[in-house]
C-alpha atoms as a PDB file:
ATOM      1  CA  MET A   1      11.286 -41.320   1.162  1.00  0.00           C
ATOM      2  CA  MET A   2       9.385 -40.406   4.334  1.00  0.00           C
ATOM      3  CA  ASN A   3      11.747 -37.486   4.920  1.00  0.00           C
ATOM      4  CA  MET A   4      10.921 -36.095   1.461  1.00  0.00           C
ATOM      5  CA  MET A   5       7.178 -36.333   2.206  1.00  0.00           C
ATOM      6  CA  ASN A   6       7.676 -34.448   5.474  1.00  0.00           C
ATOM      7  CA  MET A   7       9.589 -31.739   3.639  1.00  0.00           C
ATOM      8  CA  MET A   8       6.793 -31.453   1.057  1.00  0.00           C
ATOM      9  CA  LYS A   9       4.187 -31.186   3.813  1.00  0.00           C
ATOM     10  CA  GLN A  10       6.230 -28.504   5.595  1.00  0.00           C
ATOM     11  CA  ALA A  11       6.579 -26.572   2.329  1.00  0.00           C
ATOM     12  CA  GLN A  12       2.799 -26.705   1.821  1.00  0.00           C
ATOM     13  CA  ASN A  13       2.224 -25.488   5.377  1.00  0.00           C
ATOM     14  CA  ILE A  14       4.645 -22.612   4.855  1.00  0.00           C
ATOM     15  CA  GLN A  15       2.915 -21.685   1.581  1.00  0.00           C
ATOM     16  CA  LYS A  16      -0.466 -21.608   3.321  1.00  0.00           C
ATOM     17  CA  ARG A  17       0.873 -19.515   6.198  1.00  0.00           C
ATOM     18  CA  LEU A  18       2.489 -17.096   3.731  1.00  0.00           C
ATOM     19  CA  LYS A  19      -0.772 -16.711   1.811  1.00  0.00           C
ATOM     20  CA  ASP A  20      -2.732 -16.207   5.044  1.00  0.00           C
ATOM     21  CA  THR A  21      -0.221 -13.584   6.176  1.00  0.00           C
ATOM     22  CA  GLN A  22      -0.395 -11.783   2.823  1.00  0.00           C
ATOM     23  CA  ASP A  23      -4.215 -11.752   3.015  1.00  0.00           C
ATOM     24  CA  GLU A  24      -4.020 -10.376   6.550  1.00  0.00           C
ATOM     25  CA  LEU A  25      -1.584  -7.632   5.489  1.00  0.00           C
ATOM     26  CA  ASN A  26      -3.815  -6.680   2.544  1.00  0.00           C
ATOM     27  CA  ALA A  27      -6.835  -6.344   4.856  1.00  0.00           C
ATOM     28  CA  MET A  28      -5.043  -4.166   7.432  1.00  0.00           C
ATOM     29  CA  GLU A  29      -5.502  -0.413   7.613  1.00  0.00           C
ATOM     30  CA  ILE A  30      -2.610   1.481   9.145  1.00  0.00           C
ATOM     31  CA  THR A  31      -3.079   5.206   9.712  1.00  0.00           C
ATOM     32  CA  GLY A  32      -0.438   7.893   9.993  1.00  0.00           C
ATOM     33  CA  GLU A  33      -1.242  11.497  10.709  1.00  0.00           C
ATOM     34  CA  SER A  34       0.286  14.914  11.035  1.00  0.00           C
ATOM     35  CA  GLY A  35      -0.798  18.396  11.982  1.00  0.00           C
ATOM     36  CA  ASN A  36      -2.716  17.163  15.034  1.00  0.00           C
ATOM     37  CA  GLY A  37      -4.808  14.891  12.830  1.00  0.00           C
ATOM     38  CA  SER A  38      -5.467  17.426  10.079  1.00  0.00           C
ATOM     39  CA  VAL A  39      -3.831  15.092   7.534  1.00  0.00           C
ATOM     40  CA  LYS A  40      -4.342  11.324   7.731  1.00  0.00           C
ATOM     41  CA  ILE A  41      -2.903   8.710   5.406  1.00  0.00           C
ATOM     42  CA  ILE A  42      -4.162   5.135   5.348  1.00  0.00           C
ATOM     43  CA  CYS A  43      -2.056   2.264   3.988  1.00  0.00           C
ATOM     44  CA  ASP A  44      -2.484  -1.483   4.026  1.00  0.00           C
ATOM     45  CA  GLY A  45      -0.165  -3.772   5.973  1.00  0.00           C
ATOM     46  CA  LYS A  46       2.252  -3.861   3.032  1.00  0.00           C
ATOM     47  CA  GLY A  47       2.578  -0.081   3.057  1.00  0.00           C
ATOM     48  CA  ILE A  48       0.495   0.375  -0.090  1.00  0.00           C
ATOM     49  CA  PHE A  49      -1.355   3.726  -0.069  1.00  0.00           C
ATOM     50  CA  LYS A  50      -5.131   3.463   0.256  1.00  0.00           C
ATOM     51  CA  SER A  51      -6.462   6.938   1.022  1.00  0.00           C
ATOM     52  CA  ILE A  52      -5.899  10.415   2.414  1.00  0.00           C
ATOM     53  CA  LYS A  53      -8.176  12.466   4.647  1.00  0.00           C
ATOM     54  CA  LEU A  54      -7.800  16.215   5.029  1.00  0.00           C
ATOM     55  CA  THR A  55      -9.475  18.708   7.319  1.00  0.00           C
ATOM     56  CA  ALA A  56     -10.336  22.285   6.469  1.00  0.00           C
ATOM     57  CA  GLU A  57      -7.626  23.381   8.929  1.00  0.00           C
ATOM     58  CA  ALA A  58      -4.996  21.592   6.846  1.00  0.00           C
ATOM     59  CA  ILE A  59      -6.034  23.544   3.754  1.00  0.00           C
ATOM     60  CA  ASN A  60      -6.642  26.973   5.283  1.00  0.00           C
ATOM     61  CA  PRO A  61      -5.548  27.139   8.917  1.00  0.00           C
ATOM     62  CA  ASP A  62      -6.332  30.862   9.149  1.00  0.00           C
ATOM     63  CA  ASN A  63      -9.935  30.460   7.971  1.00  0.00           C
ATOM     64  CA  PRO A  64     -11.029  26.802   7.925  1.00  0.00           C
ATOM     65  CA  ALA A  65     -14.681  27.825   7.588  1.00  0.00           C
ATOM     66  CA  SER A  66     -13.899  29.121   4.091  1.00  0.00           C
ATOM     67  CA  VAL A  67     -13.083  25.592   2.862  1.00  0.00           C
ATOM     68  CA  SER A  68     -16.045  23.591   1.587  1.00  0.00           C
ATOM     69  CA  GLU A  69     -16.471  19.832   1.886  1.00  0.00           C
ATOM     70  CA  ASP A  70     -16.415  19.668  -1.931  1.00  0.00           C
ATOM     71  CA  THR A  71     -12.992  21.357  -1.976  1.00  0.00           C
ATOM     72  CA  ILE A  72     -11.665  18.930   0.625  1.00  0.00           C
ATOM     73  CA  GLU A  73     -13.010  15.940  -1.304  1.00  0.00           C
ATOM     74  CA  MET A  74     -11.577  17.244  -4.590  1.00  0.00           C
ATOM     75  CA  LEU A  75      -8.116  17.701  -3.034  1.00  0.00           C
ATOM     76  CA  GLU A  76      -8.259  14.238  -1.443  1.00  0.00           C
ATOM     77  CA  ASP A  77      -9.174  12.741  -4.839  1.00  0.00           C
ATOM     78  CA  LEU A  78      -6.403  14.645  -6.661  1.00  0.00           C
ATOM     79  CA  ILE A  79      -3.770  13.644  -4.114  1.00  0.00           C
ATOM     80  CA  THR A  80      -4.983  10.023  -4.119  1.00  0.00           C
ATOM     81  CA  ALA A  81      -4.831   9.858  -7.924  1.00  0.00           C
ATOM     82  CA  ALA A  82      -1.308  11.317  -7.991  1.00  0.00           C
ATOM     83  CA  ILE A  83      -0.017   8.921  -5.336  1.00  0.00           C
ATOM     84  CA  ASN A  84      -1.620   5.902  -7.025  1.00  0.00           C
ATOM     85  CA  GLN A  85      -0.221   6.904 -10.424  1.00  0.00           C
ATOM     86  CA  THR A  86       3.259   7.352  -8.969  1.00  0.00           C
ATOM     87  CA  THR A  87       3.076   4.031  -7.131  1.00  0.00           C
ATOM     88  CA  GLU A  88       1.995   2.251 -10.314  1.00  0.00           C
ATOM     89  CA  LYS A  89       4.836   3.822 -12.306  1.00  0.00           C
ATOM     90  CA  ALA A  90       7.374   2.921  -9.607  1.00  0.00           C
ATOM     91  CA  HIS A  91       6.100  -0.660  -9.527  1.00  0.00           C
ATOM     92  CA  LYS A  92       6.494  -0.976 -13.321  1.00  0.00           C
ATOM     93  CA  VAL A  93      10.047   0.415 -13.163  1.00  0.00           C
ATOM     94  CA  MET A  94      10.881  -1.997 -10.345  1.00  0.00           C
ATOM     95  CA  GLU A  95       9.492  -4.937 -12.334  1.00  0.00           C
ATOM     96  CA  GLU A  96      11.536  -3.977 -15.400  1.00  0.00           C
ATOM     97  CA  LYS A  97      14.728  -3.592 -13.357  1.00  0.00           C
ATOM     98  CA  MET A  98      14.177  -6.897 -11.529  1.00  0.00           C
ATOM     99  CA  LYS A  99      13.411  -8.749 -14.795  1.00  0.00           C
ATOM    100  CA  ALA A 100      16.685  -7.447 -16.190  1.00  0.00           C
ATOM    101  CA  VAL A 101      18.504  -8.858 -13.162  1.00  0.00           C
ATOM    102  CA  THR A 102      16.645 -12.198 -13.047  1.00  0.00           C
ATOM    103  CA  GLY A 103      16.604 -12.706 -16.811  1.00  0.00           C
ATOM    104  CA  GLY A 104      12.808 -12.700 -16.818  1.00  0.00           C
ATOM    105  CA  VAL A 105      12.527 -15.500 -14.281  1.00  0.00           C
ATOM    106  CA  SER A 106       9.695 -14.784 -11.858  1.00  0.00           C
ATOM    107  CA  ILE A 107      10.757 -15.098  -8.237  1.00  0.00           C
ATOM    108  CA  PRO A 108       7.698 -15.228  -5.939  1.00  0.00           C
ATOM    109  CA  GLY A 109       7.566 -12.385  -3.445  1.00  0.00           C
ATOM    110  CA  LEU A 110      10.217 -10.385  -5.273  1.00  0.00           C
ATOM    111  CA  PHE A 111       7.781  -8.348  -7.378  1.00  0.00           C
END
């Protein structure tokens, strides 16, 4: 009986550590960049897209002064919306495929 209680306590500790780790990953900001920093992408610790930052040089390298801040912001918003929409669609497809495999049984951490 004592062994079963120890196993239950260990399972609870693992659950808490998993939740803490998931919270930590959600709070992280990981940045990738290209073009000498002219394009920056920020994701959380799970690899979920958060935002994009562009410079005028990324949009018009020959004449960056011709690119307004409003244009940069509009492009960032359009790209962000497209990526988020695609991610949401992919997540729904994944859920449907996994439900077909698992028979609708929810497996924590799988989706």
